[in-house]
PDB file of N, CA and C in Angstrom:
ATOM      1  N   MET A   1      13.447  18.643 -15.744  1.00  0.00           N
ATOM      2  CA  MET A   1      13.142  18.170 -14.741  1.00  0.00           C
ATOM      3  C   MET A   1      11.688  18.706 -13.822  1.00  0.00           C
ATOM      4  N   ASN A   2      11.989  19.816 -13.868  1.00  0.00           N
ATOM      5  CA  ASN A   2      10.632  20.477 -12.708  1.00  0.00           C
ATOM      6  C   ASN A   2       9.493  19.980 -13.427  1.00  0.00           C
ATOM      7  N   ASN A   3       9.021  19.558 -14.480  1.00  0.00           N
ATOM      8  CA  ASN A   3       7.801  18.658 -14.924  1.00  0.00           C
ATOM      9  C   ASN A   3       7.924  17.444 -14.184  1.00  0.00           C
ATOM     10  N   LEU A   4       9.554  16.651 -13.931  1.00  0.00           N
ATOM     11  CA  LEU A   4       8.967  15.048 -13.665  1.00  0.00           C
ATOM     12  C   LEU A   4       8.764  15.639 -12.274  1.00  0.00           C
ATOM     13  N   THR A   5       9.181  16.480 -11.763  1.00  0.00           N
ATOM     14  CA  THR A   5       9.321  16.238  -9.855  1.00  0.00           C
ATOM     15  C   THR A   5       7.132  16.949  -9.829  1.00  0.00           C
ATOM     16  N   THR A   6       6.796  17.371 -10.892  1.00  0.00           N
ATOM     17  CA  THR A   6       5.531  18.494 -10.138  1.00  0.00           C
ATOM     18  C   THR A   6       4.536  17.197 -10.936  1.00  0.00           C
ATOM     19  N   PHE A   7       4.790  15.938 -11.669  1.00  0.00           N
ATOM     20  CA  PHE A   7       4.559  14.754 -11.785  1.00  0.00           C
ATOM     21  C   PHE A   7       4.037  14.229 -10.888  1.00  0.00           C
ATOM     22  N   LEU A   8       5.807  13.759 -10.121  1.00  0.00           N
ATOM     23  CA  LEU A   8       5.379  12.960  -9.199  1.00  0.00           C
ATOM     24  C   LEU A   8       5.165  13.237  -7.994  1.00  0.00           C
ATOM     25  N   SER A   9       4.525  14.540  -7.629  1.00  0.00           N
ATOM     26  CA  SER A   9       3.985  14.909  -6.357  1.00  0.00           C
ATOM     27  C   SER A   9       2.273  15.298  -6.684  1.00  0.00           C
ATOM     28  N   SER A  10       1.939  14.476  -8.302  1.00  0.00           N
ATOM     29  CA  SER A  10       0.694  14.781  -8.271  1.00  0.00           C
ATOM     30  C   SER A  10      -0.283  14.128  -7.580  1.00  0.00           C
ATOM     31  N   ALA A  11      -1.505  13.804  -7.345  1.00  0.00           N
ATOM     32  CA  ALA A  11      -2.557  13.009  -6.575  1.00  0.00           C
ATOM     33  C   ALA A  11      -2.575  11.958  -7.007  1.00  0.00           C
ATOM     34  N   PRO A  12      -2.471  11.358  -8.326  1.00  0.00           N
ATOM     35  CA  PRO A  12      -2.800   9.932  -8.800  1.00  0.00           C
ATOM     36  C   PRO A  12      -1.503   8.970  -8.562  1.00  0.00           C
ATOM     37  N   VAL A  13      -0.495  10.004  -8.834  1.00  0.00           N
ATOM     38  CA  VAL A  13       0.754   9.227  -8.503  1.00  0.00           C
ATOM     39  C   VAL A  13       1.061   8.924  -6.826  1.00  0.00           C
ATOM     40  N   LEU A  14       0.961   9.843  -6.008  1.00  0.00           N
ATOM     41  CA  LEU A  14       0.905   9.777  -4.131  1.00  0.00           C
ATOM     42  C   LEU A  14      -0.060   8.652  -4.519  1.00  0.00           C
ATOM     43  N   ALA A  15      -1.677   8.539  -4.551  1.00  0.00           N
ATOM     44  CA  ALA A  15      -2.306   7.506  -4.129  1.00  0.00           C
ATOM     45  C   ALA A  15      -2.133   6.563  -4.594  1.00  0.00           C
ATOM     46  N   THR A  16      -1.428   6.209  -5.952  1.00  0.00           N
ATOM     47  CA  THR A  16      -0.755   4.755  -6.381  1.00  0.00           C
ATOM     48  C   THR A  16       0.146   3.999  -5.322  1.00  0.00           C
ATOM     49  N   VAL A  17       1.113   4.578  -4.589  1.00  0.00           N
ATOM     50  CA  VAL A  17       2.358   4.730  -4.019  1.00  0.00           C
ATOM     51  C   VAL A  17       1.811   4.398  -2.958  1.00  0.00           C
ATOM     52  N   THR A  18       0.616   5.185  -2.530  1.00  0.00           N
ATOM     53  CA  THR A  18      -0.202   4.780  -1.298  1.00  0.00           C
ATOM     54  C   THR A  18      -0.767   3.415  -1.021  1.00  0.00           C
ATOM     55  N   VAL A  19      -1.652   3.679  -2.003  1.00  0.00           N
ATOM     56  CA  VAL A  19      -2.074   2.226  -2.148  1.00  0.00           C
ATOM     57  C   VAL A  19      -1.593   0.996  -2.283  1.00  0.00           C
ATOM     58  N   SER A  20      -0.615   0.787  -3.410  1.00  0.00           N
ATOM     59  CA  SER A  20       0.632   0.011  -3.155  1.00  0.00           C
ATOM     60  C   SER A  20       1.493  -0.164  -1.795  1.00  0.00           C
ATOM     61  N   ILE A  21       1.916   0.532  -0.992  1.00  0.00           N
ATOM     62  CA  ILE A  21       2.569   0.106  -0.098  1.00  0.00           C
ATOM     63  C   ILE A  21       1.611  -0.542   1.033  1.00  0.00           C
ATOM     64  N   PHE A  22       0.415  -0.190   1.072  1.00  0.00           N
ATOM     65  CA  PHE A  22      -0.363  -0.116   1.942  1.00  0.00           C
ATOM     66  C   PHE A  22      -0.968  -1.534   1.794  1.00  0.00           C
ATOM     67  N   SER A  23      -0.920  -2.218   0.374  1.00  0.00           N
ATOM     68  CA  SER A  23      -1.268  -3.515   0.573  1.00  0.00           C
ATOM     69  C   SER A  23      -0.347  -4.834   0.229  1.00  0.00           C
ATOM     70  N   VAL A  24       0.689  -3.952  -0.320  1.00  0.00           N
ATOM     71  CA  VAL A  24       2.026  -5.020   0.119  1.00  0.00           C
ATOM     72  C   VAL A  24       2.057  -5.234   2.029  1.00  0.00           C
ATOM     73  N   VAL A  25       2.127  -4.169   2.462  1.00  0.00           N
ATOM     74  CA  VAL A  25       1.960  -4.570   4.233  1.00  0.00           C
ATOM     75  C   VAL A  25       1.360  -5.448   4.414  1.00  0.00           C
ATOM     76  N   LEU A  26      -0.176  -5.421   4.076  1.00  0.00           N
ATOM     77  CA  LEU A  26      -1.317  -6.303   4.502  1.00  0.00           C
ATOM     78  C   LEU A  26      -0.913  -7.492   3.757  1.00  0.00           C
ATOM     79  N   ILE A  27      -0.624  -7.631   2.957  1.00  0.00           N
ATOM     80  CA  ILE A  27       0.160  -9.108   2.366  1.00  0.00           C
ATOM     81  C   ILE A  27       1.105 -10.015   3.076  1.00  0.00           C
ATOM     82  N   LEU A  28       1.758  -8.361   3.579  1.00  0.00           N
ATOM     83  CA  LEU A  28       3.490  -9.837   4.483  1.00  0.00           C
ATOM     84  C   LEU A  28       2.350 -10.172   6.025  1.00  0.00           C
ATOM     85  N   ILE A  29       2.043  -9.030   6.409  1.00  0.00           N
ATOM     86  CA  ILE A  29       1.155  -9.555   7.734  1.00  0.00           C
ATOM     87  C   ILE A  29       0.245 -10.828   7.597  1.00  0.00           C
ATOM     88  N   ASN A  30      -0.094 -10.811   6.190  1.00  0.00           N
ATOM     89  CA  ASN A  30      -1.241 -11.948   6.233  1.00  0.00           C
ATOM     90  C   ASN A  30      -0.272 -13.218   5.654  1.00  0.00           C
ATOM     91  N   TYR A  31       0.775 -13.262   5.228  1.00  0.00           N
ATOM     92  CA  TYR A  31       1.559 -14.097   4.767  1.00  0.00           C
ATOM     93  C   TYR A  31       2.535 -14.264   6.295  1.00  0.00           C
ATOM     94  N   TRP A  32       2.886 -13.574   7.038  1.00  0.00           N
ATOM     95  CA  TRP A  32       3.313 -13.538   7.998  1.00  0.00           C
ATOM     96  C   TRP A  32       2.297 -14.587   9.364  1.00  0.00           C
ATOM     97  N   PHE A  33       1.330 -13.955   9.053  1.00  0.00           N
ATOM     98  CA  PHE A  33       0.648 -14.269  10.842  1.00  0.00           C
ATOM     99  C   PHE A  33      -0.726 -14.669  10.113  1.00  0.00           C
ATOM    100  N   PRO A  34      -0.844 -16.169   9.571  1.00  0.00           N
ATOM    101  CA  PRO A  34      -1.685 -16.207   8.846  1.00  0.00           C
ATOM    102  C   PRO A  34      -3.668 -16.447   9.727  1.00  0.00           C
ATOM    103  N   ASP A  35      -4.422 -16.146   8.785  1.00  0.00           N
ATOM    104  CA  ASP A  35      -5.831 -15.883   9.864  1.00  0.00           C
ATOM    105  C   ASP A  35      -5.868 -15.111  11.021  1.00  0.00           C
ATOM    106  N   LEU A  36      -4.897 -13.837  10.817  1.00  0.00           N
ATOM    107  CA  LEU A  36      -4.746 -12.870  12.125  1.00  0.00           C
ATOM    108  C   LEU A  36      -6.113 -11.745  11.487  1.00  0.00           C
ATOM    109  N   LEU A  37      -6.414 -11.890   9.979  1.00  0.00           N
ATOM    110  CA  LEU A  37      -6.743 -10.310   9.627  1.00  0.00           C
ATOM    111  C   LEU A  37      -8.675 -11.063   9.511  1.00  0.00           C
ATOM    112  N   SER A  38      -9.130 -11.974   9.653  1.00  0.00           N
ATOM    113  CA  SER A  38     -10.158 -12.598   9.298  1.00  0.00           C
ATOM    114  C   SER A  38     -10.780 -12.732  10.814  1.00  0.00           C
ATOM    115  N   LEU A  39     -12.121 -12.883  11.128  1.00  0.00           N
ATOM    116  CA  LEU A  39     -12.787 -12.637  11.848  1.00  0.00           C
ATOM    117  C   LEU A  39     -13.122 -13.899  12.745  1.00  0.00           C
ATOM    118  N   GLY A  40     -12.886 -15.132  12.098  1.00  0.00           N
ATOM    119  CA  GLY A  40     -13.458 -16.170  12.183  1.00  0.00           C
ATOM    120  C   GLY A  40     -12.326 -16.944  13.454  1.00  0.00           C
ATOM    121  N   SER A  41     -11.514 -16.531  13.144  1.00  0.00           N
ATOM    122  CA  SER A  41     -10.136 -17.207  13.988  1.00  0.00           C
ATOM    123  C   SER A  41     -10.098 -16.628  15.498  1.00  0.00           C
ATOM    124  N   LEU A  42     -11.003 -15.593  15.971  1.00  0.00           N
ATOM    125  CA  LEU A  42     -11.115 -14.789  17.308  1.00  0.00           C
ATOM    126  C   LEU A  42     -11.896 -15.366  18.312  1.00  0.00           C
TER     127      LEU A  42
END
């Protein structure tokens, strides 16, 4: 069990989780508010 917690707290796992959460949030914002992220609508 100690090896599993060491693996889950390693940098590649944390980077993958962070990038996944950020991309899901970005996709949901673009779904709810379309064209808000593009500069053409300003």
